[in-house]
Amino acid sequence: MVDVIQPNEARIHIRFEGRSWDILCRDLDVGPFSTDEQVRRALANYFDVGLGKFRPYVIERHENGNMTVRPEAVFG
């Protein structure tokens, strides 16, 4: 059976190690009520890296259910 991706299915857009990724939330088993810690842990498992890699990342949640995960911006 082939998984069908729905057009409005929630995704996580992440900038990690110089690349951009779009991952379906269902592939990480996370959703709008998941904590930041749960999202970071799921990403660490997905990329097979230590959880510490994602500690400084910011998780932005959008009204449509999508999330943007990015390194914290440092200005000045």
Protein backbone atom coordinates (compact mmCIF):
# COMPACT_ATOMS: atom_id res chain seq x y z
CA MET A 1 0.00 0.00 0.00
CA VAL A 2 1.29 3.46 -0.91
CA ASP A 3 0.90 6.35 1.52
CA VAL A 4 -0.98 9.24 -0.01
CA ILE A 5 0.16 12.70 1.03
CA GLN A 6 -2.74 15.05 1.49
CA PRO A 7 -2.19 18.59 0.09
CA ASN A 8 -2.88 20.32 3.41
CA GLU A 9 -1.13 17.77 5.61
CA ALA A 10 0.91 19.35 8.42
CA ARG A 11 4.66 19.49 7.89
CA ILE A 12 7.80 20.52 9.66
CA HIS A 13 10.13 22.72 7.67
CA ILE A 14 13.61 22.52 9.14
CA ARG A 15 16.95 24.06 8.31
CA PHE A 16 19.56 21.57 9.51
CA GLU A 17 23.25 21.29 8.70
CA GLY A 18 23.02 23.65 5.75
CA ARG A 19 20.03 21.98 4.10
CA SER A 20 16.29 22.56 4.13
CA TRP A 21 13.93 19.67 4.76
CA ASP A 22 10.13 19.30 4.70
CA ILE A 23 8.99 16.36 6.80
CA LEU A 24 5.39 15.30 7.36
CA CYS A 25 4.40 15.59 11.01
CA ARG A 26 2.91 12.10 10.83
CA ASP A 27 6.32 10.72 9.83
CA LEU A 28 7.68 12.03 13.13
CA ASP A 29 4.56 11.14 15.12
CA VAL A 30 4.16 14.74 16.30
CA GLY A 31 1.31 17.21 16.03
CA PRO A 32 0.01 20.56 17.19
CA PHE A 33 -0.17 19.45 20.82
CA SER A 34 3.34 17.99 20.94
CA THR A 35 5.73 19.84 23.21
CA ASP A 36 8.89 21.46 21.90
CA GLU A 37 10.83 18.70 23.66
CA GLN A 38 8.84 16.01 21.83
CA VAL A 39 9.44 17.71 18.47
CA ARG A 40 13.17 18.05 19.16
CA ARG A 41 13.41 14.40 20.26
CA ALA A 42 11.54 13.22 17.14
CA LEU A 43 13.87 15.24 14.92
CA ALA A 44 16.96 13.90 16.69
CA ASN A 45 15.70 10.36 16.09
CA TYR A 46 14.85 11.11 12.45
CA PHE A 47 18.31 12.53 11.73
CA ASP A 48 20.03 10.00 13.99
CA VAL A 49 21.85 12.62 16.04
CA GLY A 50 21.98 13.47 19.72
CA LEU A 51 19.16 15.52 21.18
CA GLY A 52 21.66 18.25 22.08
CA LYS A 53 21.93 19.18 18.40
CA PHE A 54 18.39 20.57 18.55
CA ARG A 55 18.49 22.28 21.96
CA PRO A 56 19.32 25.72 20.49
CA TYR A 57 16.68 25.42 17.74
CA VAL A 58 13.55 27.55 17.75
CA ILE A 59 10.19 25.93 16.96
CA GLU A 60 7.66 28.23 15.34
CA ARG A 61 4.09 26.96 15.16
CA HIS A 62 1.78 28.15 12.41
CA GLU A 63 -2.03 28.36 12.38
CA ASN A 64 -2.26 25.77 9.60
CA GLY A 65 -0.54 23.14 11.78
CA ASN A 66 2.87 23.44 10.14
CA MET A 67 6.04 24.09 12.14
CA THR A 68 9.27 25.79 11.24
CA VAL A 69 12.34 24.61 13.12
CA ARG A 70 15.47 26.70 12.76
CA PRO A 71 18.64 27.68 14.55
CA GLU A 72 18.18 30.58 16.93
CA ALA A 73 18.95 33.88 15.18
CA VAL A 74 21.72 35.94 16.73
CA PHE A 75 21.79 39.62 15.88
CA GLY A 76 24.46 42.21 16.53
